[in-house]
Amino acid sequence: MTLYFPLPGMPGVRQKEPMDRILIRGGRPLHGSIPIGGAKNAALPLMAAALLTDRTLTLSNLPHLVDIVSMANLLAELGVDMRMNGHAPQDGHAGRTFDLACADLRSATAPYDLVRKMRASVLVLGPLLARHGQARVSLPGGCAIGTRPVDFHLAALRQMGAEIELAGGYVEARADGRLKGARIVFPAVTVTGTENLLMAACLADGETVLANAAREPEVGDLARCLVGMGAEIDGIGTDTLTVRGKESLGGTAHAVIPDRIEAGSYAIAAALTGGEVLLEGADPGHIQALVDVLSRAGVEVTPERAGLRVARTNGPLTGVDAMTEPYPGFPTDMQAQLMVLMATARGAAMITETIFENRFMHVPELCRMGADINVHGASAIVRGVETLSGAPVMATDLRASMSLVLAGLAAAGETQVNRVYHLDRGYERLEAKLQACGADVERVKG
């Protein structure tokens, strides 16, 4: 990949999204093992936590993804020094270990050109404001799956004494001295809001309580890393986090948890194709809601010491209903993938999306492949068909992209998935992992 911002040990990303496409000739059952990489959605806030200290934060099991490079570029712009620590394979097929250190802040501005690439860039707001007393962060971008406002972040930071203005597409925040501890009740569950405020509270004066906090495993992973840096946090894993602020934090070494969405996506790939796959390193506790749905549909899911074994050996699957909810409910990031599975199951299923309002954009593309799906408001009625048919399709966002790849694996004939740069944001070595299990899939450079 072409260098965008020089980062030792990690290739950059093209400034313009490549027009690569993925060709899939379906109908092959998957058999083998797939290593599950570090969680993108855990790694991004962990990287932002480097802004909280002048000591070295060592993160291992970092996935080699476009979103990780985008965050690295942003942090480097702000003044974080990053170095690869130790040996790592050059083709990016294993988790990387990086040292991150922010001894001196080069800039407190997170510019639009970097932030527009992904919404998680807003995670630098809390750490910058807490440690440096100021932050200027562009309003974020990311996938076009609906409105994801940062209002909750800003209202909570104001409760902690920050002065915040919106001007020219930027959030401009200042704090007179240290932020002040406060009791913050989020009006709705917000993962990035919880993470932003959790980091800010670690350097605030006094005690901060975050009520109705997100309980996702990625939030817990961040909290455990912050504790390793010297933070004092109670209630990890619950919906109420209590943080007693410190004047400073130190460094630590922390391993990123496995990616539960990657694991879930490949679990569905195994079920769709009638195969059997061992998901190496997957944590079944992180995807219990998905495991429950798969089990009701007739998929065999067996925890093993090495990970999670997924198999479909008893013929057609049964349609089951699902509703997306905040963790520990069924994850919105698995909705599109489950819809593909239900499109090939016996009977009907209703899938309801409660998190994002525009997350059915994959439906027209799946219907082009022969799926029988009707959308009614926030719900989609899926009636299973005997066979999907390969077709040219267009990806609209990260998880929709994966749903089209999954459909191609199960379809008769050839499927061409266009605009696959979305996939590179969240799935490491997708083609290689599928090929190793017998899939006929290749990337064609654009």
Protein backbone atom coordinates (compact mmCIF):
# COMPACT_ATOMS: atom_id res chain seq x y z
CA MET A 1 0.00 0.00 0.00
CA THR A 2 1.14 3.54 -0.71
CA LEU A 3 2.53 5.50 2.21
CA TYR A 4 0.30 8.27 3.49
CA PHE A 5 2.04 9.14 6.76
CA PRO A 6 5.43 7.47 7.32
CA LEU A 7 5.04 5.12 10.27
CA PRO A 8 7.95 2.78 11.09
CA GLY A 9 7.01 -0.84 10.64
CA MET A 10 3.49 -0.22 9.35
CA PRO A 11 2.52 0.58 5.75
CA GLY A 12 0.19 3.54 5.30
CA VAL A 13 -3.00 3.79 3.31
CA ARG A 14 -3.79 5.37 -0.01
CA GLN A 15 -5.22 8.85 0.21
CA LYS A 16 -7.85 7.77 -2.30
CA GLU A 17 -9.76 4.56 -1.69
CA PRO A 18 -8.60 1.81 -4.07
CA MET A 19 -11.22 0.42 -6.43
CA ASP A 20 -10.29 -3.19 -5.75
CA ARG A 21 -12.95 -5.85 -5.99
CA ILE A 22 -13.28 -9.36 -4.63
CA LEU A 23 -14.33 -12.28 -6.82
CA ILE A 24 -15.96 -15.27 -5.14
CA ARG A 25 -17.01 -18.54 -6.72
CA GLY A 26 -19.38 -19.98 -4.15
CA GLY A 27 -20.59 -23.38 -3.11
CA ARG A 28 -17.48 -24.66 -1.32
CA PRO A 29 -17.83 -25.71 2.35
CA LEU A 30 -15.20 -24.15 4.58
CA HIS A 31 -12.98 -26.52 6.55
CA GLY A 32 -9.97 -25.63 8.65
CA SER A 33 -8.82 -23.01 11.15
CA ILE A 34 -9.03 -19.23 11.08
CA PRO A 35 -6.94 -17.16 13.50
CA ILE A 36 -8.93 -14.32 15.04
CA GLY A 37 -7.03 -11.05 15.21
CA GLY A 38 -7.07 -8.29 17.76
CA ALA A 39 -10.29 -6.32 18.06
CA LYS A 40 -10.31 -3.15 15.96
CA ASN A 41 -12.90 -1.54 18.22
CA ALA A 42 -10.75 -2.25 21.27
CA ALA A 43 -7.46 -1.21 19.68
CA LEU A 44 -8.63 2.27 18.61
CA PRO A 45 -9.47 3.63 22.10
CA LEU A 46 -6.41 1.87 23.52
CA MET A 47 -4.24 3.76 21.07
CA ALA A 48 -5.94 7.04 22.00
CA ALA A 49 -5.10 6.32 25.65
CA ALA A 50 -1.44 7.00 24.81
CA LEU A 51 -2.36 10.71 24.90
CA LEU A 52 -3.02 10.45 28.64
CA THR A 53 0.61 9.90 29.66
CA ASP A 54 4.18 10.89 28.86
CA ARG A 55 5.27 7.30 29.51
CA THR A 56 5.33 4.42 27.03
CA LEU A 57 2.19 2.43 26.35
CA THR A 58 2.97 -0.93 24.74
CA LEU A 59 0.09 -2.51 22.86
CA SER A 60 0.32 -6.05 21.50
CA ASN A 61 -2.02 -8.02 19.22
CA LEU A 62 -2.78 -4.89 17.19
CA PRO A 63 -4.52 -5.87 13.94
CA HIS A 64 -3.10 -4.66 10.64
CA LEU A 65 -6.10 -2.68 9.36
CA VAL A 66 -6.78 0.60 7.61
CA ASP A 67 -8.60 2.00 10.66
CA ILE A 68 -5.56 1.25 12.84
CA VAL A 69 -3.30 3.05 10.36
CA SER A 70 -5.75 5.98 10.26
CA MET A 71 -5.62 6.29 14.06
CA ALA A 72 -1.82 5.96 13.99
CA ASN A 73 -1.62 8.79 11.45
CA LEU A 74 -3.84 10.97 13.63
CA LEU A 75 -1.86 10.27 16.81
CA ALA A 76 1.41 10.94 15.01
CA GLU A 77 -0.01 14.31 13.88
CA LEU A 78 -0.75 15.12 17.53
CA GLY A 79 2.75 14.18 18.70
CA VAL A 80 2.62 10.49 19.64
CA ASP A 81 5.83 8.66 18.79
CA MET A 82 5.21 5.09 17.58
CA ARG A 83 7.70 2.28 17.07
CA MET A 84 7.25 -1.39 16.30
CA ASN A 85 8.51 -3.41 19.25
CA GLY A 86 10.18 -6.66 18.28
CA HIS A 87 9.69 -9.01 15.38
CA ALA A 88 6.47 -9.19 13.41
CA PRO A 89 5.74 -10.95 10.10
CA GLN A 90 6.02 -8.56 7.18
CA ASP A 91 2.80 -9.66 5.47
CA GLY A 92 0.73 -8.50 8.42
CA HIS A 93 -0.80 -11.86 9.32
CA ALA A 94 -0.11 -11.70 13.04
CA GLY A 95 -0.86 -9.18 15.73
CA ARG A 96 1.67 -6.36 15.92
CA THR A 97 3.28 -4.91 19.04
CA PHE A 98 3.81 -1.15 19.15
CA ASP A 99 5.26 1.26 21.65
CA LEU A 100 3.39 4.57 21.83
CA ALA A 101 4.72 7.58 23.74
CA CYS A 102 3.49 11.18 23.90
CA ALA A 103 6.15 13.09 25.80
CA ASP A 104 5.20 16.40 24.19
CA LEU A 105 2.04 17.41 22.40
CA ARG A 106 2.81 18.67 18.89
CA SER A 107 -0.76 19.82 18.20
CA ALA A 108 -4.16 19.78 19.89
CA THR A 109 -5.99 19.78 16.55
CA ALA A 110 -7.37 16.60 14.99
CA PRO A 111 -7.85 17.78 11.39
CA TYR A 112 -10.73 16.94 9.10
CA ASP A 113 -8.58 15.15 6.52
CA LEU A 114 -7.68 12.51 9.11
CA VAL A 115 -10.85 12.41 11.23
CA ARG A 116 -13.20 12.04 8.25
CA LYS A 117 -11.89 8.53 7.62
CA MET A 118 -13.49 7.04 10.73
CA ARG A 119 -15.73 8.08 13.57
CA ALA A 120 -13.46 6.57 16.25
CA SER A 121 -11.13 9.55 15.77
CA VAL A 122 -13.36 11.45 18.20
CA LEU A 123 -11.77 9.31 20.94
CA VAL A 124 -8.84 11.74 21.11
CA LEU A 125 -11.15 14.48 22.44
CA GLY A 126 -11.35 13.27 26.05
CA PRO A 127 -7.64 12.47 26.50
CA LEU A 128 -6.48 15.72 24.87
CA LEU A 129 -8.79 17.83 27.02
CA ALA A 130 -7.98 15.96 30.24
CA ARG A 131 -4.19 16.04 29.93
CA HIS A 132 -3.57 19.20 27.91
CA GLY A 133 -6.59 21.36 28.75
CA GLN A 134 -7.56 21.94 25.14
CA ALA A 135 -8.67 20.08 22.04
CA ARG A 136 -9.84 20.98 18.57
CA VAL A 137 -11.35 17.92 16.91
CA SER A 138 -13.15 17.77 13.58
CA LEU A 139 -16.64 16.36 13.71
CA PRO A 140 -16.17 12.70 12.74
CA GLY A 141 -16.96 10.63 9.68
CA GLY A 142 -16.97 6.87 9.08
CA CYS A 143 -19.51 4.44 7.62
CA ALA A 144 -22.78 5.82 6.26
CA ILE A 145 -24.98 3.74 8.55
CA GLY A 146 -26.91 6.53 10.22
CA THR A 147 -26.56 9.47 12.54
CA ARG A 148 -24.06 8.91 15.32
CA PRO A 149 -23.90 12.25 17.10
CA VAL A 150 -21.26 13.22 19.64
CA ASP A 151 -23.79 15.23 21.66
CA PHE A 152 -23.52 12.83 24.62
CA HIS A 153 -19.73 13.25 24.70
CA LEU A 154 -19.97 17.04 24.68
CA ALA A 155 -22.73 17.30 27.28
CA ALA A 156 -20.79 15.05 29.66
CA LEU A 157 -17.54 16.97 29.21
CA ARG A 158 -19.41 20.20 29.94
CA GLN A 159 -20.58 18.61 33.20
CA MET A 160 -16.92 18.13 34.03
CA GLY A 161 -16.22 21.83 33.55
CA ALA A 162 -15.17 22.00 29.91
CA GLU A 163 -16.06 24.96 27.73
CA ILE A 164 -17.12 23.66 24.32
CA GLU A 165 -18.03 25.41 21.09
CA LEU A 166 -18.86 24.08 17.64
CA ALA A 167 -17.30 26.20 14.90
CA GLY A 168 -16.45 25.47 11.28
CA GLY A 169 -17.11 21.76 11.59
CA TYR A 170 -14.84 21.43 14.65
CA VAL A 171 -15.39 20.77 18.33
CA GLU A 172 -13.32 23.36 20.20
CA ALA A 173 -12.92 22.45 23.86
CA ARG A 174 -11.04 24.08 26.72
CA ALA A 175 -10.66 23.40 30.43
CA ASP A 176 -9.46 25.87 33.05
CA GLY A 177 -7.09 23.60 34.93
CA ARG A 178 -8.11 20.00 35.50
CA LEU A 179 -11.54 18.65 34.60
CA LYS A 180 -13.82 18.15 37.61
CA GLY A 181 -15.34 14.87 38.67
CA ALA A 182 -19.09 14.61 38.11
CA ARG A 183 -21.98 12.16 38.05
CA ILE A 184 -22.81 11.57 34.41
CA VAL A 185 -25.91 9.68 33.31
CA PHE A 186 -25.85 8.87 29.61
CA PRO A 187 -29.37 9.26 28.16
CA ALA A 188 -28.66 6.28 25.89
CA VAL A 189 -25.92 3.69 25.77
CA THR A 190 -22.92 5.02 23.83
CA VAL A 191 -19.72 3.02 23.43
CA THR A 192 -17.43 5.79 22.21
CA GLY A 193 -19.04 8.22 24.65
CA THR A 194 -18.30 5.87 27.55
CA GLU A 195 -14.72 5.39 26.35
CA ASN A 196 -14.10 9.11 25.83
CA LEU A 197 -15.40 10.04 29.26
CA LEU A 198 -13.68 7.11 30.94
CA MET A 199 -10.32 8.35 29.67
CA ALA A 200 -11.09 11.96 30.57
CA ALA A 201 -12.17 10.99 34.09
CA CYS A 202 -8.84 9.27 34.78
CA LEU A 203 -7.09 12.67 34.96
CA ALA A 204 -9.99 14.66 36.45
CA ASP A 205 -10.01 16.21 39.90
CA GLY A 206 -12.18 14.04 42.15
CA GLU A 207 -14.58 11.19 41.52
CA THR A 208 -16.55 10.64 38.32
CA VAL A 209 -19.47 8.23 38.03
CA LEU A 210 -20.55 7.09 34.57
CA ALA A 211 -24.09 5.70 34.78
CA ASN A 212 -25.79 3.81 31.94
CA ALA A 213 -22.29 3.16 30.65
CA ALA A 214 -21.68 0.79 27.76
CA ARG A 215 -20.76 -2.75 28.84
CA GLU A 216 -19.11 -3.94 25.62
CA PRO A 217 -15.97 -6.07 26.04
CA GLU A 218 -13.98 -3.34 24.27
CA VAL A 219 -14.92 -0.86 27.04
CA GLY A 220 -13.77 -3.34 29.67
CA ASP A 221 -10.52 -3.87 27.78
CA LEU A 222 -9.84 -0.13 27.79
CA ALA A 223 -10.66 0.09 31.50
CA ARG A 224 -8.25 -2.73 32.36
CA CYS A 225 -5.50 -1.03 30.38
CA LEU A 226 -6.14 2.26 32.17
CA VAL A 227 -5.92 0.47 35.52
CA GLY A 228 -2.56 -0.89 34.38
CA MET A 229 -1.52 2.73 33.74
CA GLY A 230 -2.43 3.63 37.32
CA ALA A 231 -6.08 4.62 37.02
CA GLU A 232 -8.54 3.73 39.78
CA ILE A 233 -11.74 2.35 38.26
CA ASP A 234 -14.53 0.35 39.89
CA GLY A 235 -17.43 -1.43 38.21
CA ILE A 236 -15.60 -2.72 35.13
CA GLY A 237 -18.00 -4.82 33.09
CA THR A 238 -21.10 -3.20 34.61
CA ASP A 239 -23.24 -0.25 33.53
CA THR A 240 -21.85 1.98 36.31
CA LEU A 241 -18.17 2.96 36.26
CA THR A 242 -16.65 4.89 39.14
CA VAL A 243 -13.36 6.64 38.44
CA ARG A 244 -11.19 8.40 41.00
CA GLY A 245 -9.01 10.80 39.06
CA LYS A 246 -5.22 10.92 39.27
CA GLU A 247 -2.82 13.78 38.61
CA SER A 248 -0.96 11.62 36.12
CA LEU A 249 -0.86 8.14 34.61
CA GLY A 250 2.08 5.92 33.78
CA GLY A 251 2.85 3.40 31.08
CA THR A 252 1.93 -0.25 30.83
CA ALA A 253 1.92 -3.24 28.48
CA HIS A 254 -1.46 -4.50 27.31
CA ALA A 255 -2.68 -7.13 24.84
CA VAL A 256 -5.74 -6.28 22.72
CA ILE A 257 -8.65 -8.71 23.12
CA PRO A 258 -9.70 -10.90 20.16
CA ASP A 259 -12.16 -9.40 17.70
CA ARG A 260 -15.63 -10.75 18.49
CA ILE A 261 -17.12 -9.38 15.26
CA GLU A 262 -14.48 -11.04 13.12
CA ALA A 263 -15.09 -14.28 15.02
CA GLY A 264 -18.84 -13.98 14.55
CA SER A 265 -18.48 -13.25 10.84
CA TYR A 266 -16.40 -16.37 10.23
CA ALA A 267 -18.74 -18.42 12.39
CA ILE A 268 -21.53 -17.49 10.00
CA ALA A 269 -19.28 -18.29 7.03
CA ALA A 270 -18.84 -21.83 8.34
CA ALA A 271 -22.59 -22.22 8.93
CA LEU A 272 -23.53 -20.75 5.54
CA THR A 273 -21.30 -23.09 3.58
CA GLY A 274 -22.10 -26.24 5.54
CA GLY A 275 -18.54 -26.53 6.76
CA GLU A 276 -16.61 -26.78 10.01
CA VAL A 277 -14.12 -24.16 11.18
CA LEU A 278 -12.06 -23.64 14.32
CA LEU A 279 -11.93 -19.95 15.23
CA GLU A 280 -8.51 -19.80 16.89
CA GLY A 281 -8.34 -17.48 19.88
CA ALA A 282 -12.03 -16.50 19.81
CA ASP A 283 -13.58 -15.78 23.20
CA PRO A 284 -17.05 -17.39 23.29
CA GLY A 285 -17.99 -15.26 26.28
CA HIS A 286 -17.81 -12.14 24.12
CA ILE A 287 -20.30 -13.46 21.51
CA GLN A 288 -22.77 -15.35 23.68
CA ALA A 289 -25.79 -13.58 22.18
CA LEU A 290 -24.69 -14.64 18.69
CA VAL A 291 -23.94 -18.17 19.88
CA ASP A 292 -27.46 -18.40 21.28
CA VAL A 293 -28.99 -17.32 17.95
CA LEU A 294 -26.80 -19.70 15.95
CA SER A 295 -27.66 -22.59 18.24
CA ARG A 296 -31.39 -21.93 17.84
CA ALA A 297 -30.89 -21.91 14.07
CA GLY A 298 -29.24 -25.34 14.16
CA VAL A 299 -25.54 -24.44 14.08
CA GLU A 300 -23.19 -26.44 16.31
CA VAL A 301 -20.97 -24.12 18.36
CA THR A 302 -18.46 -25.78 20.68
CA PRO A 303 -15.95 -23.96 22.91
CA GLU A 304 -12.49 -25.52 22.88
CA ARG A 305 -9.21 -24.67 24.54
CA ALA A 306 -7.89 -23.23 21.29
CA GLY A 307 -11.01 -21.20 20.54
CA LEU A 308 -14.47 -21.89 19.15
CA ARG A 309 -15.49 -24.65 16.74
CA VAL A 310 -18.44 -23.92 14.46
CA ALA A 311 -20.11 -26.53 12.24
CA ARG A 312 -23.25 -27.17 10.26
CA THR A 313 -23.66 -30.86 9.64
CA ASN A 314 -27.40 -31.50 10.04
CA GLY A 315 -28.86 -30.11 6.82
CA PRO A 316 -30.82 -26.86 6.39
CA LEU A 317 -30.92 -24.24 9.11
CA THR A 318 -34.06 -22.86 10.74
CA GLY A 319 -35.04 -19.20 10.54
CA VAL A 320 -34.85 -17.42 13.91
CA ASP A 321 -35.68 -13.86 14.97
CA ALA A 322 -33.10 -11.44 16.36
CA MET A 323 -33.05 -7.86 17.62
CA THR A 324 -29.92 -5.75 17.93
CA GLU A 325 -29.28 -4.32 21.39
CA PRO A 326 -26.38 -2.89 23.39
CA TYR A 327 -24.08 -5.52 24.88
CA PRO A 328 -24.75 -8.17 26.14
CA GLY A 329 -27.55 -8.20 23.55
CA PHE A 330 -27.18 -9.16 19.90
CA PRO A 331 -24.58 -6.82 18.32
CA THR A 332 -25.57 -4.41 15.57
CA ASP A 333 -22.24 -5.17 13.91
CA MET A 334 -23.48 -8.75 13.27
CA GLN A 335 -26.91 -7.86 11.91
CA ALA A 336 -26.00 -7.86 8.21
CA GLN A 337 -24.09 -11.14 8.49
CA LEU A 338 -26.97 -12.86 10.30
CA MET A 339 -29.37 -11.63 7.61
CA VAL A 340 -27.39 -13.55 4.98
CA LEU A 341 -27.59 -16.71 7.08
CA MET A 342 -31.33 -16.31 7.48
CA ALA A 343 -31.70 -15.72 3.73
CA THR A 344 -30.66 -19.34 3.20
CA ALA A 345 -32.47 -20.85 6.21
CA ARG A 346 -35.75 -22.76 6.17
CA GLY A 347 -38.81 -20.64 7.00
CA ALA A 348 -38.92 -16.96 7.91
CA ALA A 349 -37.03 -14.73 10.31
CA MET A 350 -37.51 -11.16 11.53
CA ILE A 351 -34.41 -9.08 12.18
CA THR A 352 -34.94 -5.79 14.00
CA GLU A 353 -32.33 -3.03 14.12
CA THR A 354 -32.56 -0.73 17.15
CA ILE A 355 -29.11 0.91 17.14
CA PHE A 356 -28.66 2.62 13.74
CA GLU A 357 -31.41 3.84 11.44
CA ASN A 358 -29.68 3.26 8.08
CA ARG A 359 -28.26 -0.20 8.57
CA PHE A 360 -30.32 -2.08 5.99
CA MET A 361 -28.45 -0.70 2.98
CA HIS A 362 -27.16 -4.18 2.16
CA VAL A 363 -30.70 -5.47 1.57
CA PRO A 364 -31.05 -4.35 -2.09
CA GLU A 365 -27.71 -5.97 -2.92
CA LEU A 366 -28.69 -9.24 -1.24
CA CYS A 367 -31.98 -9.19 -3.14
CA ARG A 368 -29.98 -8.89 -6.37
CA MET A 369 -28.50 -12.25 -5.41
CA GLY A 370 -31.94 -13.80 -4.99
CA ALA A 371 -32.62 -13.17 -1.30
CA ASP A 372 -36.26 -12.64 -0.28
CA ILE A 373 -36.14 -9.72 2.15
CA ASN A 374 -38.77 -7.08 2.87
CA VAL A 375 -38.01 -4.10 5.09
CA HIS A 376 -40.75 -2.60 7.27
CA GLY A 377 -39.41 0.32 9.26
CA ALA A 378 -36.79 -0.97 11.69
CA SER A 379 -37.47 -4.63 10.89
CA ALA A 380 -36.62 -6.88 7.97
CA ILE A 381 -38.64 -10.00 7.17
CA VAL A 382 -36.34 -12.63 5.67
CA ARG A 383 -37.81 -15.66 3.94
CA GLY A 384 -35.25 -18.31 3.21
CA VAL A 385 -34.54 -19.38 -0.35
CA GLU A 386 -32.96 -22.60 -1.51
CA THR A 387 -30.03 -20.99 -3.30
CA LEU A 388 -28.53 -17.54 -3.71
CA SER A 389 -27.09 -16.62 -7.10
CA GLY A 390 -23.80 -14.88 -7.79
CA ALA A 391 -24.02 -11.29 -9.06
CA PRO A 392 -22.07 -8.02 -9.14
CA VAL A 393 -22.81 -6.16 -5.89
CA MET A 394 -21.73 -2.90 -4.27
CA ALA A 395 -20.58 -2.56 -0.66
CA THR A 396 -21.91 0.41 1.34
CA ASP A 397 -20.19 0.03 4.73
CA LEU A 398 -17.87 -2.26 6.64
CA ARG A 399 -20.30 -4.90 7.91
CA ALA A 400 -22.47 -4.75 4.78
CA SER A 401 -19.31 -5.53 2.82
CA MET A 402 -18.76 -8.67 4.87
CA SER A 403 -22.38 -9.73 4.41
CA LEU A 404 -21.89 -9.63 0.62
CA VAL A 405 -18.73 -11.72 0.86
CA LEU A 406 -20.63 -14.25 2.98
CA ALA A 407 -23.47 -14.32 0.47
CA GLY A 408 -20.95 -14.96 -2.28
CA LEU A 409 -19.50 -17.92 -0.41
CA ALA A 410 -22.93 -19.55 -0.32
CA ALA A 411 -24.13 -18.50 -3.78
CA ALA A 412 -24.10 -20.49 -7.00
CA GLY A 413 -21.82 -18.95 -9.60
CA GLU A 414 -19.53 -15.95 -9.32
CA THR A 415 -20.05 -12.91 -7.11
CA GLN A 416 -18.14 -9.68 -7.62
CA VAL A 417 -18.03 -7.43 -4.54
CA ASN A 418 -17.10 -3.85 -5.43
CA ARG A 419 -15.83 -1.02 -3.18
CA VAL A 420 -14.08 -3.46 -0.86
CA TYR A 421 -11.94 -0.74 0.73
CA HIS A 422 -14.57 -0.87 3.49
CA LEU A 423 -13.44 -4.43 4.28
CA ASP A 424 -9.85 -3.33 4.79
CA ARG A 425 -11.03 -1.16 7.67
CA GLY A 426 -12.07 -4.15 9.75
CA TYR A 427 -11.02 -7.55 8.35
CA GLU A 428 -7.36 -8.47 8.28
CA ARG A 429 -6.19 -10.78 5.46
CA LEU A 430 -9.78 -11.71 4.58
CA GLU A 431 -9.02 -13.50 1.32
CA ALA A 432 -6.07 -15.45 2.74
CA LYS A 433 -8.04 -16.65 5.76
CA LEU A 434 -10.92 -17.84 3.58
CA GLN A 435 -8.61 -19.42 0.99
CA ALA A 436 -6.89 -21.42 3.73
CA CYS A 437 -10.26 -23.04 4.49
CA GLY A 438 -11.01 -23.92 0.87
CA ALA A 439 -12.88 -20.87 -0.40
CA ASP A 440 -12.46 -19.83 -4.03
CA VAL A 441 -11.92 -16.12 -3.49
CA GLU A 442 -9.48 -13.58 -4.90
CA ARG A 443 -8.85 -9.86 -4.87
CA VAL A 444 -8.60 -8.07 -8.18
CA LYS A 445 -6.69 -4.82 -7.99
CA GLY A 446 -8.47 -1.74 -9.26
